[in-house]
Amino acid sequence: MAQSISGRVAVITGASSGIGRAAARALAAEGAKLALVARSTERLEALKAELGGDTLVVPADLTRAADVDGAIRTISEHFGHIDILFANAGSYVTGNVAEGDADEFDAVIAVNVNAVFRMVRAALPGMIARRNGDIVVTSSISGHQAIHWEPVYSATKHAVQSFVHGVRRQVAPHNVRVGALAPGIVLNELWGLTDQAEIERRVAAHEGLRCEDVADALVFMLTRPANATIRDLVILPQNQDI
């Protein structure tokens, strides 16, 4: 029997745009209480105004350890606990490594790897104590195979995959589920796409996913019966040649 998300406290990182914003809308529609985490206070406040309900805005730079700990503390104080963590905040870098900017590589690793590790670490003790919780991390098809035009990004997502699989086994006895959601091409700002007509054209050609497609997959993962864990969910546009 599917589980309900209604009334559960869900933390969404990277909530100000893209997959995170779509996830916030999807979980709000399911009746979840939301903590929206990102750097842009203005965007988060606009999303809160749209969603209504019991929604908390938590501005934070998750590359800073103090911001991670402060965000979890603020959310826990407001709601009392955390039921769901969607560790979604991410950054992207492409190009040849020999010609790349090493500082840019470090910045992407800080967001895609270090911030995920820290958020999961901060959220887990409360979930373990309550013997209840769901953690989903946004991975990528690049976490399942190294893609030559984005090797640093692929490396970060491979790290996420290994982390998710290891943590899942550690916390399964505590009734905490951990899984990775790995989309292919998502037509959003991360890919430099903001024109809605172009997005719809590429969706119609089965060349990319909407953010909402990924959010629907997240809801599916979270609503599985308690005895079932979706360890990995890979979702691709039909015509992605990977």
C-alpha atoms as a PDB file:
ATOM      1  CA  MET A   1       0.000   0.000   0.000  1.00  0.00           C
ATOM      2  CA  ALA A   2       1.389   3.403  -0.983  1.00  0.00           C
ATOM      3  CA  GLN A   3       2.513   5.705   1.815  1.00  0.00           C
ATOM      4  CA  SER A   4       1.118   9.201   2.185  1.00  0.00           C
ATOM      5  CA  ILE A   5       3.329  12.284   2.148  1.00  0.00           C
ATOM      6  CA  SER A   6       0.584  14.408   3.708  1.00  0.00           C
ATOM      7  CA  GLY A   7       1.731  16.094   6.896  1.00  0.00           C
ATOM      8  CA  ARG A   8       5.333  14.936   6.553  1.00  0.00           C
ATOM      9  CA  VAL A   9       8.137  17.482   6.885  1.00  0.00           C
ATOM     10  CA  ALA A  10      10.207  17.646   3.696  1.00  0.00           C
ATOM     11  CA  VAL A  11      13.463  19.547   3.264  1.00  0.00           C
ATOM     12  CA  ILE A  12      14.318  20.480  -0.334  1.00  0.00           C
ATOM     13  CA  THR A  13      17.725  21.901  -1.193  1.00  0.00           C
ATOM     14  CA  GLY A  14      18.169  23.829  -4.402  1.00  0.00           C
ATOM     15  CA  ALA A  15      14.500  24.737  -4.043  1.00  0.00           C
ATOM     16  CA  SER A  16      14.689  28.118  -5.766  1.00  0.00           C
ATOM     17  CA  SER A  17      14.703  26.790  -9.339  1.00  0.00           C
ATOM     18  CA  GLY A  18      14.588  23.784 -11.643  1.00  0.00           C
ATOM     19  CA  ILE A  19      14.001  20.335 -10.175  1.00  0.00           C
ATOM     20  CA  GLY A  20      13.926  21.668  -6.622  1.00  0.00           C
ATOM     21  CA  ARG A  21      11.153  24.149  -7.350  1.00  0.00           C
ATOM     22  CA  ALA A  22       9.138  21.510  -9.219  1.00  0.00           C
ATOM     23  CA  ALA A  23       9.643  19.103  -6.314  1.00  0.00           C
ATOM     24  CA  ALA A  24       8.369  21.710  -3.865  1.00  0.00           C
ATOM     25  CA  ARG A  25       5.209  22.147  -5.903  1.00  0.00           C
ATOM     26  CA  ALA A  26       4.712  18.383  -6.217  1.00  0.00           C
ATOM     27  CA  LEU A  27       5.215  17.678  -2.512  1.00  0.00           C
ATOM     28  CA  ALA A  28       3.036  20.626  -1.515  1.00  0.00           C
ATOM     29  CA  ALA A  29       0.269  19.185  -3.706  1.00  0.00           C
ATOM     30  CA  GLU A  30       0.630  15.953  -1.716  1.00  0.00           C
ATOM     31  CA  GLY A  31       0.144  17.846   1.554  1.00  0.00           C
ATOM     32  CA  ALA A  32       3.749  17.925   2.800  1.00  0.00           C
ATOM     33  CA  LYS A  33       5.116  20.603   5.106  1.00  0.00           C
ATOM     34  CA  LEU A  34       8.091  22.178   3.349  1.00  0.00           C
ATOM     35  CA  ALA A  35      11.451  23.659   4.260  1.00  0.00           C
ATOM     36  CA  LEU A  36      12.859  25.398   1.177  1.00  0.00           C
ATOM     37  CA  VAL A  37      16.648  25.735   1.165  1.00  0.00           C
ATOM     38  CA  ALA A  38      18.729  27.729  -1.339  1.00  0.00           C
ATOM     39  CA  ARG A  39      20.888  30.836  -1.554  1.00  0.00           C
ATOM     40  CA  SER A  40      18.272  33.108  -3.148  1.00  0.00           C
ATOM     41  CA  THR A  41      15.982  34.451  -0.434  1.00  0.00           C
ATOM     42  CA  GLU A  42      13.910  36.389  -2.981  1.00  0.00           C
ATOM     43  CA  ARG A  43      13.149  33.316  -5.088  1.00  0.00           C
ATOM     44  CA  LEU A  44      12.360  31.209  -2.031  1.00  0.00           C
ATOM     45  CA  GLU A  45       9.958  33.816  -0.678  1.00  0.00           C
ATOM     46  CA  ALA A  46       8.186  33.979  -4.051  1.00  0.00           C
ATOM     47  CA  LEU A  47       7.808  30.194  -4.056  1.00  0.00           C
ATOM     48  CA  LYS A  48       6.529  30.223  -0.473  1.00  0.00           C
ATOM     49  CA  ALA A  49       3.916  32.827  -1.434  1.00  0.00           C
ATOM     50  CA  GLU A  50       2.822  30.606  -4.315  1.00  0.00           C
ATOM     51  CA  LEU A  51       2.622  27.410  -2.281  1.00  0.00           C
ATOM     52  CA  GLY A  52       1.140  28.696   0.955  1.00  0.00           C
ATOM     53  CA  GLY A  53       0.610  26.132   3.677  1.00  0.00           C
ATOM     54  CA  ASP A  54       3.213  25.413   6.321  1.00  0.00           C
ATOM     55  CA  THR A  55       6.283  26.433   4.332  1.00  0.00           C
ATOM     56  CA  LEU A  56       9.566  27.603   5.825  1.00  0.00           C
ATOM     57  CA  VAL A  57      12.186  29.584   3.891  1.00  0.00           C
ATOM     58  CA  VAL A  58      15.768  28.779   4.871  1.00  0.00           C
ATOM     59  CA  PRO A  59      18.383  30.818   2.970  1.00  0.00           C
ATOM     60  CA  ALA A  60      21.726  29.001   3.068  1.00  0.00           C
ATOM     61  CA  ASP A  61      24.952  28.473   1.182  1.00  0.00           C
ATOM     62  CA  LEU A  62      25.399  24.738   1.569  1.00  0.00           C
ATOM     63  CA  THR A  63      29.099  24.904   0.693  1.00  0.00           C
ATOM     64  CA  ARG A  64      29.532  26.438   4.164  1.00  0.00           C
ATOM     65  CA  ALA A  65      29.478  23.927   7.011  1.00  0.00           C
ATOM     66  CA  ALA A  66      27.937  26.458   9.397  1.00  0.00           C
ATOM     67  CA  ASP A  67      25.059  27.096   6.984  1.00  0.00           C
ATOM     68  CA  VAL A  68      24.317  23.362   6.702  1.00  0.00           C
ATOM     69  CA  ASP A  69      24.200  22.899  10.465  1.00  0.00           C
ATOM     70  CA  GLY A  70      22.246  26.118  10.899  1.00  0.00           C
ATOM     71  CA  ALA A  71      19.674  25.106   8.281  1.00  0.00           C
ATOM     72  CA  ILE A  72      19.017  21.722   9.903  1.00  0.00           C
ATOM     73  CA  ARG A  73      18.805  23.360  13.330  1.00  0.00           C
ATOM     74  CA  THR A  74      16.346  26.028  12.109  1.00  0.00           C
ATOM     75  CA  ILE A  75      14.142  23.448  10.388  1.00  0.00           C
ATOM     76  CA  SER A  76      14.156  21.104  13.381  1.00  0.00           C
ATOM     77  CA  GLU A  77      13.266  23.925  15.742  1.00  0.00           C
ATOM     78  CA  HIS A  78      10.387  25.054  13.527  1.00  0.00           C
ATOM     79  CA  PHE A  79       8.847  21.681  12.693  1.00  0.00           C
ATOM     80  CA  GLY A  80      10.178  19.530  15.532  1.00  0.00           C
ATOM     81  CA  HIS A  81      11.713  16.945  13.202  1.00  0.00           C
ATOM     82  CA  ILE A  82      12.523  16.106   9.574  1.00  0.00           C
ATOM     83  CA  ASP A  83      10.807  13.259   7.714  1.00  0.00           C
ATOM     84  CA  ILE A  84      12.183  13.727   4.196  1.00  0.00           C
ATOM     85  CA  LEU A  85      15.408  15.173   2.833  1.00  0.00           C
ATOM     86  CA  PHE A  86      15.614  15.799  -0.903  1.00  0.00           C
ATOM     87  CA  ALA A  87      19.294  16.663  -1.339  1.00  0.00           C
ATOM     88  CA  ASN A  88      18.945  18.240  -4.743  1.00  0.00           C
ATOM     89  CA  ALA A  89      21.166  21.334  -4.860  1.00  0.00           C
ATOM     90  CA  GLY A  90      23.703  20.973  -7.629  1.00  0.00           C
ATOM     91  CA  SER A  91      26.018  22.736 -10.043  1.00  0.00           C
ATOM     92  CA  TYR A  92      27.302  21.832 -13.479  1.00  0.00           C
ATOM     93  CA  VAL A  93      30.578  22.076 -15.352  1.00  0.00           C
ATOM     94  CA  THR A  94      31.453  20.793 -18.795  1.00  0.00           C
ATOM     95  CA  GLY A  95      34.419  20.877 -21.138  1.00  0.00           C
ATOM     96  CA  ASN A  96      37.917  19.459 -21.511  1.00  0.00           C
ATOM     97  CA  VAL A  97      39.785  19.056 -18.232  1.00  0.00           C
ATOM     98  CA  ALA A  98      43.096  20.217 -19.755  1.00  0.00           C
ATOM     99  CA  GLU A  99      41.494  23.548 -20.626  1.00  0.00           C
ATOM    100  CA  GLY A 100      39.257  23.859 -17.565  1.00  0.00           C
ATOM    101  CA  ASP A 101      39.344  26.088 -14.512  1.00  0.00           C
ATOM    102  CA  ALA A 102      40.448  24.079 -11.471  1.00  0.00           C
ATOM    103  CA  ASP A 103      38.706  26.537  -9.133  1.00  0.00           C
ATOM    104  CA  GLU A 104      35.468  25.926 -11.017  1.00  0.00           C
ATOM    105  CA  PHE A 105      35.986  22.185 -10.571  1.00  0.00           C
ATOM    106  CA  ASP A 106      36.402  22.706  -6.822  1.00  0.00           C
ATOM    107  CA  ALA A 107      33.244  24.816  -6.672  1.00  0.00           C
ATOM    108  CA  VAL A 108      31.176  22.111  -8.388  1.00  0.00           C
ATOM    109  CA  ILE A 109      32.585  19.418  -6.111  1.00  0.00           C
ATOM    110  CA  ALA A 110      31.739  21.564  -3.079  1.00  0.00           C
ATOM    111  CA  VAL A 111      28.069  21.742  -4.086  1.00  0.00           C
ATOM    112  CA  ASN A 112      27.518  18.328  -5.667  1.00  0.00           C
ATOM    113  CA  VAL A 113      29.519  16.237  -3.223  1.00  0.00           C
ATOM    114  CA  ASN A 114      30.517  17.984   0.008  1.00  0.00           C
ATOM    115  CA  ALA A 115      27.196  19.754   0.548  1.00  0.00           C
ATOM    116  CA  VAL A 116      25.267  16.513  -0.041  1.00  0.00           C
ATOM    117  CA  PHE A 117      27.467  14.613   2.419  1.00  0.00           C
ATOM    118  CA  ARG A 118      27.030  17.307   5.060  1.00  0.00           C
ATOM    119  CA  MET A 119      23.261  17.651   4.641  1.00  0.00           C
ATOM    120  CA  VAL A 120      22.730  13.909   4.901  1.00  0.00           C
ATOM    121  CA  ARG A 121      25.043  13.723   7.911  1.00  0.00           C
ATOM    122  CA  ALA A 122      23.147  16.531   9.651  1.00  0.00           C
ATOM    123  CA  ALA A 123      19.694  15.076   8.973  1.00  0.00           C
ATOM    124  CA  LEU A 124      20.402  11.448   9.852  1.00  0.00           C
ATOM    125  CA  PRO A 125      20.674  11.513  13.669  1.00  0.00           C
ATOM    126  CA  GLY A 126      17.104  12.756  14.070  1.00  0.00           C
ATOM    127  CA  MET A 127      15.761  10.207  11.592  1.00  0.00           C
ATOM    128  CA  ILE A 128      17.652   7.382  13.276  1.00  0.00           C
ATOM    129  CA  ALA A 129      16.373   8.438  16.708  1.00  0.00           C
ATOM    130  CA  ARG A 130      12.786   8.481  15.429  1.00  0.00           C
ATOM    131  CA  ARG A 131      13.294   5.318  13.375  1.00  0.00           C
ATOM    132  CA  ASN A 132      11.684   6.989  10.395  1.00  0.00           C
ATOM    133  CA  GLY A 133      12.890   8.933   7.390  1.00  0.00           C
ATOM    134  CA  ASP A 134      13.443   9.155   3.662  1.00  0.00           C
ATOM    135  CA  ILE A 135      16.488  10.604   1.931  1.00  0.00           C
ATOM    136  CA  VAL A 136      16.613  11.042  -1.837  1.00  0.00           C
ATOM    137  CA  VAL A 137      19.668  12.525  -3.524  1.00  0.00           C
ATOM    138  CA  THR A 138      19.598  13.985  -7.017  1.00  0.00           C
ATOM    139  CA  SER A 139      22.149  12.053  -9.025  1.00  0.00           C
ATOM    140  CA  SER A 140      22.361  11.868 -12.823  1.00  0.00           C
ATOM    141  CA  ILE A 141      22.762   9.425 -15.646  1.00  0.00           C
ATOM    142  CA  SER A 142      26.336  10.754 -15.420  1.00  0.00           C
ATOM    143  CA  GLY A 143      26.569   8.919 -12.095  1.00  0.00           C
ATOM    144  CA  HIS A 144      25.996   5.617 -13.881  1.00  0.00           C
ATOM    145  CA  GLN A 145      28.479   6.152 -16.693  1.00  0.00           C
ATOM    146  CA  ALA A 146      31.280   8.636 -17.258  1.00  0.00           C
ATOM    147  CA  ILE A 147      30.324  11.078 -20.000  1.00  0.00           C
ATOM    148  CA  HIS A 148      33.334  12.408 -21.864  1.00  0.00           C
ATOM    149  CA  TRP A 149      32.193  16.012 -22.267  1.00  0.00           C
ATOM    150  CA  GLU A 150      31.558  16.417 -18.530  1.00  0.00           C
ATOM    151  CA  PRO A 151      34.122  14.297 -16.652  1.00  0.00           C
ATOM    152  CA  VAL A 152      34.246  16.404 -13.482  1.00  0.00           C
ATOM    153  CA  TYR A 153      30.461  16.522 -13.230  1.00  0.00           C
ATOM    154  CA  SER A 154      30.367  12.759 -13.881  1.00  0.00           C
ATOM    155  CA  ALA A 155      32.902  12.244 -11.095  1.00  0.00           C
ATOM    156  CA  THR A 156      30.721  14.147  -8.619  1.00  0.00           C
ATOM    157  CA  LYS A 157      27.680  12.065  -9.482  1.00  0.00           C
ATOM    158  CA  HIS A 158      29.651   8.808  -9.230  1.00  0.00           C
ATOM    159  CA  ALA A 159      30.633   9.948  -5.737  1.00  0.00           C
ATOM    160  CA  VAL A 160      26.977  10.551  -4.915  1.00  0.00           C
ATOM    161  CA  GLN A 161      26.027   7.081  -6.132  1.00  0.00           C
ATOM    162  CA  SER A 162      28.665   5.394  -3.969  1.00  0.00           C
ATOM    163  CA  PHE A 163      27.678   7.483  -0.964  1.00  0.00           C
ATOM    164  CA  VAL A 164      23.980   6.698  -1.338  1.00  0.00           C
ATOM    165  CA  HIS A 165      24.575   2.979  -1.653  1.00  0.00           C
ATOM    166  CA  GLY A 166      26.872   2.855   1.366  1.00  0.00           C
ATOM    167  CA  VAL A 167      24.701   4.998   3.632  1.00  0.00           C
ATOM    168  CA  ARG A 168      21.588   3.058   2.624  1.00  0.00           C
ATOM    169  CA  ARG A 169      23.048  -0.141   4.093  1.00  0.00           C
ATOM    170  CA  GLN A 170      24.152   1.634   7.264  1.00  0.00           C
ATOM    171  CA  VAL A 171      20.760   3.111   8.088  1.00  0.00           C
ATOM    172  CA  ALA A 172      18.364   0.474   6.749  1.00  0.00           C
ATOM    173  CA  PRO A 173      18.189  -1.221  10.195  1.00  0.00           C
ATOM    174  CA  HIS A 174      16.963   2.106  11.593  1.00  0.00           C
ATOM    175  CA  ASN A 175      13.982   2.235   9.212  1.00  0.00           C
ATOM    176  CA  VAL A 176      15.513   5.046   7.150  1.00  0.00           C
ATOM    177  CA  ARG A 177      15.360   4.724   3.363  1.00  0.00           C
ATOM    178  CA  VAL A 178      18.004   6.227   1.080  1.00  0.00           C
ATOM    179  CA  GLY A 179      17.864   6.382  -2.699  1.00  0.00           C
ATOM    180  CA  ALA A 180      19.240   8.194  -5.733  1.00  0.00           C
ATOM    181  CA  LEU A 181      17.147   9.826  -8.451  1.00  0.00           C
ATOM    182  CA  ALA A 182      19.155  10.008 -11.685  1.00  0.00           C
ATOM    183  CA  PRO A 183      17.702  11.984 -14.588  1.00  0.00           C
ATOM    184  CA  GLY A 184      19.108  12.420 -18.050  1.00  0.00           C
ATOM    185  CA  ILE A 185      18.792  15.772 -19.820  1.00  0.00           C
ATOM    186  CA  VAL A 186      16.440  18.050 -17.875  1.00  0.00           C
ATOM    187  CA  LEU A 187      15.384  21.157 -19.763  1.00  0.00           C
ATOM    188  CA  ASN A 188      16.024  23.845 -17.181  1.00  0.00           C
ATOM    189  CA  GLU A 189      18.384  26.637 -16.122  1.00  0.00           C
ATOM    190  CA  LEU A 190      21.217  24.224 -15.329  1.00  0.00           C
ATOM    191  CA  TRP A 191      21.349  23.503 -19.062  1.00  0.00           C
ATOM    192  CA  GLY A 192      20.937  27.179 -19.917  1.00  0.00           C
ATOM    193  CA  LEU A 193      17.302  26.752 -21.004  1.00  0.00           C
ATOM    194  CA  THR A 194      14.689  29.256 -19.903  1.00  0.00           C
ATOM    195  CA  ASP A 195      12.598  29.754 -23.046  1.00  0.00           C
ATOM    196  CA  GLN A 196       9.386  27.806 -22.504  1.00  0.00           C
ATOM    197  CA  ALA A 197       8.661  27.421 -26.212  1.00  0.00           C
ATOM    198  CA  GLU A 198      12.080  25.829 -26.771  1.00  0.00           C
ATOM    199  CA  ILE A 199      11.582  23.545 -23.785  1.00  0.00           C
ATOM    200  CA  GLU A 200       8.215  22.364 -25.100  1.00  0.00           C
ATOM    201  CA  ARG A 201       9.670  21.835 -28.583  1.00  0.00           C
ATOM    202  CA  ARG A 202      12.366  19.576 -27.195  1.00  0.00           C
ATOM    203  CA  VAL A 203       9.925  17.752 -24.937  1.00  0.00           C
ATOM    204  CA  ALA A 204       7.683  17.079 -27.932  1.00  0.00           C
ATOM    205  CA  ALA A 205      10.716  15.670 -29.773  1.00  0.00           C
ATOM    206  CA  HIS A 206      11.435  13.424 -26.743  1.00  0.00           C
ATOM    207  CA  GLU A 207      14.843  15.092 -26.391  1.00  0.00           C
ATOM    208  CA  GLY A 208      14.566  16.185 -22.787  1.00  0.00           C
ATOM    209  CA  LEU A 209      12.641  15.974 -19.533  1.00  0.00           C
ATOM    210  CA  ARG A 210      10.620  18.622 -17.787  1.00  0.00           C
ATOM    211  CA  CYS A 211      11.521  19.351 -14.175  1.00  0.00           C
ATOM    212  CA  GLU A 212       8.015  18.153 -13.371  1.00  0.00           C
ATOM    213  CA  ASP A 213       8.825  14.712 -14.789  1.00  0.00           C
ATOM    214  CA  VAL A 214      11.618  14.356 -12.262  1.00  0.00           C
ATOM    215  CA  ALA A 215       9.420  15.665  -9.442  1.00  0.00           C
ATOM    216  CA  ASP A 216       6.796  13.032 -10.297  1.00  0.00           C
ATOM    217  CA  ALA A 217       9.501  10.365 -10.042  1.00  0.00           C
ATOM    218  CA  LEU A 218      10.453  11.721  -6.611  1.00  0.00           C
ATOM    219  CA  VAL A 219       6.862  11.440  -5.407  1.00  0.00           C
ATOM    220  CA  PHE A 220       6.777   7.853  -6.668  1.00  0.00           C
ATOM    221  CA  MET A 221       9.915   6.997  -4.670  1.00  0.00           C
ATOM    222  CA  LEU A 222       8.617   8.575  -1.477  1.00  0.00           C
ATOM    223  CA  THR A 223       5.195   6.948  -1.625  1.00  0.00           C
ATOM    224  CA  ARG A 224       6.340   3.339  -1.975  1.00  0.00           C
ATOM    225  CA  PRO A 225       5.222   0.988   0.805  1.00  0.00           C
ATOM    226  CA  ALA A 226       7.438   1.106   3.879  1.00  0.00           C
ATOM    227  CA  ASN A 227       8.975  -2.272   3.096  1.00  0.00           C
ATOM    228  CA  ALA A 228      10.167  -1.136  -0.362  1.00  0.00           C
ATOM    229  CA  THR A 229      13.199   1.044  -1.125  1.00  0.00           C
ATOM    230  CA  ILE A 230      13.835   2.451  -4.580  1.00  0.00           C
ATOM    231  CA  ARG A 231      17.628   2.371  -4.421  1.00  0.00           C
ATOM    232  CA  ASP A 232      18.089   3.878  -7.897  1.00  0.00           C
ATOM    233  CA  LEU A 233      15.595   5.453 -10.241  1.00  0.00           C
ATOM    234  CA  VAL A 234      16.986   6.438 -13.655  1.00  0.00           C
ATOM    235  CA  ILE A 235      14.686   8.547 -15.822  1.00  0.00           C
ATOM    236  CA  LEU A 236      15.679   9.534 -19.365  1.00  0.00           C
ATOM    237  CA  PRO A 237      14.072  11.354 -22.257  1.00  0.00           C
ATOM    238  CA  GLN A 238      13.082   8.698 -24.755  1.00  0.00           C
ATOM    239  CA  ASN A 239      15.521   9.871 -27.416  1.00  0.00           C
ATOM    240  CA  GLN A 240      18.574  10.528 -25.239  1.00  0.00           C
ATOM    241  CA  ASP A 241      21.416   8.641 -26.875  1.00  0.00           C
ATOM    242  CA  ILE A 242      23.307   7.478 -23.769  1.00  0.00           C
END
